[in-house]
Amino acid sequence: MNTQPLSKPKSGRLRQRGTALIVVIILLSIIVMFALSNVRTLDHLGRELRLLEVQQLRNLPAAIPRLPTNNSKQPG
């Protein structure tokens, strides 16, 4: 008694599907790496902007010229 499957799977087609799946997984992993890298870079830029803002706010009083105040009454 010889039992054979009704339809044989085509090994070439299965190999192509497997290769396509691997390529898609590799491309998705590259995209995820780029996205994570961009998030990290944006986080670093945000920190740097906050640091610059703090430094500029510290230097702000020195940059504003002081106007002479005259509290004495003018003769009129």
N, C-alpha and C. Protein backbone atom coordinates (compact mmCIF):
# COMPACT_ATOMS: atom_id res chain seq x y z
N MET A 1 0.84 -1.16 0.00
CA MET A 1 0.00 0.00 0.00
C MET A 1 0.89 1.23 0.00
N ASN A 2 0.81 1.96 -1.06
CA ASN A 2 1.63 3.14 -1.24
C ASN A 2 0.76 4.37 -1.04
N THR A 3 1.05 5.15 0.04
CA THR A 3 0.26 6.37 0.27
C THR A 3 1.11 7.59 -0.05
N GLN A 4 0.60 8.38 -0.92
CA GLN A 4 1.29 9.60 -1.30
C GLN A 4 0.35 10.77 -1.09
N PRO A 5 0.90 11.94 -0.72
CA PRO A 5 0.02 13.10 -0.56
C PRO A 5 -0.59 13.48 -1.90
N LEU A 6 -1.76 14.05 -1.85
CA LEU A 6 -2.46 14.42 -3.07
C LEU A 6 -1.71 15.49 -3.86
N SER A 7 -1.15 16.46 -3.14
CA SER A 7 -0.39 17.50 -3.84
C SER A 7 0.93 17.69 -3.10
N LYS A 8 1.99 17.69 -3.83
CA LYS A 8 3.30 17.88 -3.24
C LYS A 8 3.57 19.37 -3.05
N PRO A 9 4.11 19.75 -1.89
CA PRO A 9 4.47 21.16 -1.73
C PRO A 9 5.68 21.47 -2.61
N LYS A 10 5.61 22.60 -3.22
CA LYS A 10 6.70 23.00 -4.10
C LYS A 10 7.82 23.60 -3.24
N SER A 11 8.94 22.92 -3.23
CA SER A 11 10.03 23.36 -2.34
C SER A 11 10.59 24.71 -2.76
N GLY A 12 10.61 25.01 -4.05
CA GLY A 12 11.11 26.30 -4.52
C GLY A 12 10.25 27.45 -4.02
N ARG A 13 8.93 27.23 -4.04
CA ARG A 13 8.01 28.26 -3.58
C ARG A 13 8.15 28.48 -2.07
N LEU A 14 8.30 27.40 -1.33
CA LEU A 14 8.47 27.52 0.12
C LEU A 14 9.77 28.23 0.45
N ARG A 15 10.80 27.95 -0.31
CA ARG A 15 12.09 28.59 -0.08
C ARG A 15 11.99 30.09 -0.35
N GLN A 16 11.25 30.46 -1.40
CA GLN A 16 11.07 31.88 -1.72
C GLN A 16 10.29 32.59 -0.61
N ARG A 17 9.27 31.92 -0.11
CA ARG A 17 8.48 32.52 0.97
C ARG A 17 9.33 32.70 2.22
N GLY A 18 10.16 31.71 2.51
CA GLY A 18 11.03 31.81 3.68
C GLY A 18 12.04 32.93 3.54
N THR A 19 12.60 33.07 2.34
CA THR A 19 13.56 34.14 2.09
C THR A 19 12.88 35.50 2.18
N ALA A 20 11.67 35.60 1.63
CA ALA A 20 10.93 36.86 1.69
C ALA A 20 10.62 37.23 3.14
N LEU A 21 10.25 36.25 3.93
CA LEU A 21 9.96 36.50 5.33
C LEU A 21 11.20 37.00 6.07
N ILE A 22 12.34 36.40 5.81
CA ILE A 22 13.58 36.83 6.45
C ILE A 22 13.93 38.26 6.03
N VAL A 23 13.75 38.58 4.76
CA VAL A 23 14.05 39.93 4.28
C VAL A 23 13.12 40.94 4.94
N VAL A 24 11.84 40.61 5.06
CA VAL A 24 10.89 41.52 5.70
C VAL A 24 11.25 41.72 7.17
N ILE A 25 11.61 40.65 7.86
CA ILE A 25 11.99 40.77 9.27
C ILE A 25 13.24 41.64 9.42
N ILE A 26 14.21 41.47 8.54
CA ILE A 26 15.43 42.29 8.59
C ILE A 26 15.10 43.75 8.33
N LEU A 27 14.26 44.03 7.34
CA LEU A 27 13.88 45.42 7.05
C LEU A 27 13.12 46.05 8.22
N LEU A 28 12.22 45.30 8.81
CA LEU A 28 11.49 45.82 9.96
C LEU A 28 12.43 46.11 11.14
N SER A 29 13.41 45.24 11.35
CA SER A 29 14.34 45.48 12.46
C SER A 29 15.20 46.72 12.18
N ILE A 30 15.58 46.95 10.93
CA ILE A 30 16.34 48.15 10.59
C ILE A 30 15.49 49.40 10.83
N ILE A 31 14.21 49.35 10.45
CA ILE A 31 13.33 50.49 10.66
C ILE A 31 13.16 50.77 12.16
N VAL A 32 13.01 49.72 12.95
CA VAL A 32 12.87 49.90 14.40
C VAL A 32 14.15 50.49 14.99
N MET A 33 15.30 50.06 14.51
CA MET A 33 16.56 50.62 15.01
C MET A 33 16.65 52.11 14.69
N PHE A 34 16.25 52.51 13.48
CA PHE A 34 16.26 53.93 13.12
C PHE A 34 15.30 54.72 14.01
N ALA A 35 14.12 54.17 14.24
CA ALA A 35 13.14 54.87 15.07
C ALA A 35 13.66 55.05 16.49
N LEU A 36 14.24 54.01 17.07
CA LEU A 36 14.79 54.12 18.42
C LEU A 36 15.94 55.11 18.47
N SER A 37 16.76 55.11 17.43
CA SER A 37 17.87 56.06 17.38
C SER A 37 17.35 57.49 17.32
N ASN A 38 16.28 57.72 16.55
CA ASN A 38 15.71 59.07 16.47
C ASN A 38 15.12 59.51 17.79
N VAL A 39 14.46 58.61 18.50
CA VAL A 39 13.89 58.94 19.80
C VAL A 39 15.01 59.31 20.77
N ARG A 40 16.07 58.55 20.75
CA ARG A 40 17.21 58.83 21.63
C ARG A 40 17.84 60.18 21.31
N THR A 41 18.01 60.47 20.01
CA THR A 41 18.59 61.74 19.59
C THR A 41 17.69 62.91 20.01
N LEU A 42 16.38 62.76 19.84
CA LEU A 42 15.46 63.82 20.25
C LEU A 42 15.51 64.04 21.76
N ASP A 43 15.67 62.99 22.53
CA ASP A 43 15.78 63.12 23.97
C ASP A 43 17.04 63.90 24.34
N HIS A 44 18.16 63.58 23.69
CA HIS A 44 19.40 64.31 23.96
C HIS A 44 19.29 65.77 23.56
N LEU A 45 18.65 66.04 22.43
CA LEU A 45 18.47 67.43 22.00
C LEU A 45 17.58 68.20 22.97
N GLY A 46 16.55 67.56 23.49
CA GLY A 46 15.68 68.21 24.47
C GLY A 46 16.45 68.57 25.73
N ARG A 47 17.29 67.66 26.19
CA ARG A 47 18.11 67.95 27.37
C ARG A 47 19.06 69.11 27.11
N GLU A 48 19.67 69.10 25.93
CA GLU A 48 20.61 70.17 25.60
C GLU A 48 19.89 71.52 25.52
N LEU A 49 18.69 71.54 24.97
CA LEU A 49 17.92 72.79 24.91
C LEU A 49 17.58 73.30 26.31
N ARG A 50 17.20 72.40 27.20
CA ARG A 50 16.91 72.82 28.58
C ARG A 50 18.15 73.38 29.24
N LEU A 51 19.30 72.75 29.01
CA LEU A 51 20.55 73.23 29.59
C LEU A 51 20.90 74.62 29.05
N LEU A 52 20.74 74.81 27.74
CA LEU A 52 21.00 76.12 27.15
C LEU A 52 20.05 77.18 27.70
N GLU A 53 18.80 76.81 27.90
CA GLU A 53 17.84 77.76 28.43
C GLU A 53 18.22 78.19 29.84
N VAL A 54 18.64 77.23 30.66
CA VAL A 54 19.06 77.56 32.02
C VAL A 54 20.28 78.46 32.00
N GLN A 55 21.23 78.17 31.14
CA GLN A 55 22.42 79.01 31.05
C GLN A 55 22.08 80.42 30.58
N GLN A 56 21.19 80.54 29.62
CA GLN A 56 20.81 81.86 29.13
C GLN A 56 20.03 82.64 30.18
N LEU A 57 19.19 81.96 30.95
CA LEU A 57 18.45 82.65 32.01
C LEU A 57 19.40 83.13 33.10
N ARG A 58 20.48 82.40 33.35
CA ARG A 58 21.48 82.86 34.32
C ARG A 58 22.20 84.10 33.83
N ASN A 59 22.46 84.16 32.53
CA ASN A 59 23.19 85.30 31.97
C ASN A 59 22.28 86.47 31.64
N LEU A 60 20.99 86.32 31.73
CA LEU A 60 20.05 87.38 31.36
C LEU A 60 20.23 88.64 32.20
N PRO A 61 20.35 88.57 33.52
CA PRO A 61 20.50 89.82 34.28
C PRO A 61 21.76 90.61 33.90
N ALA A 62 22.81 89.95 33.51
CA ALA A 62 24.03 90.66 33.11
C ALA A 62 23.86 91.32 31.75
N ALA A 63 22.98 90.81 30.93
CA ALA A 63 22.80 91.34 29.58
C ALA A 63 21.88 92.55 29.56
N ILE A 64 21.04 92.72 30.58
CA ILE A 64 20.11 93.85 30.61
C ILE A 64 20.84 95.04 31.23
N PRO A 65 20.92 96.14 30.51
CA PRO A 65 21.59 97.32 31.10
C PRO A 65 20.73 97.92 32.21
N ARG A 66 21.40 98.35 33.24
CA ARG A 66 20.67 98.96 34.36
C ARG A 66 20.46 100.44 34.08
N LEU A 67 19.23 100.86 34.22
CA LEU A 67 18.90 102.26 34.04
C LEU A 67 19.07 102.98 35.37
N PRO A 68 19.58 104.19 35.32
CA PRO A 68 19.72 104.93 36.59
C PRO A 68 18.34 105.27 37.14
N THR A 69 18.19 105.05 38.41
CA THR A 69 16.92 105.37 39.05
C THR A 69 17.10 106.68 39.81
N ASN A 70 16.17 107.56 39.65
CA ASN A 70 16.20 108.84 40.32
C ASN A 70 14.94 108.96 41.14
N ASN A 71 15.08 108.68 42.41
CA ASN A 71 13.91 108.71 43.31
C ASN A 71 13.67 110.09 43.88
N SER A 72 14.63 111.00 43.69
CA SER A 72 14.46 112.35 44.22
C SER A 72 13.48 113.11 43.37
N LYS A 73 12.76 114.02 43.98
CA LYS A 73 11.76 114.79 43.24
C LYS A 73 12.42 115.89 42.43
N GLN A 74 11.94 116.09 41.26
CA GLN A 74 12.45 117.13 40.37
C GLN A 74 11.87 118.49 40.83
N PRO A 75 12.72 119.53 40.82
CA PRO A 75 12.14 120.85 41.17
C PRO A 75 11.23 121.32 40.04
N GLY A 76 10.10 121.79 40.36
CA GLY A 76 9.22 122.16 39.29
C GLY A 76 8.46 123.33 39.49
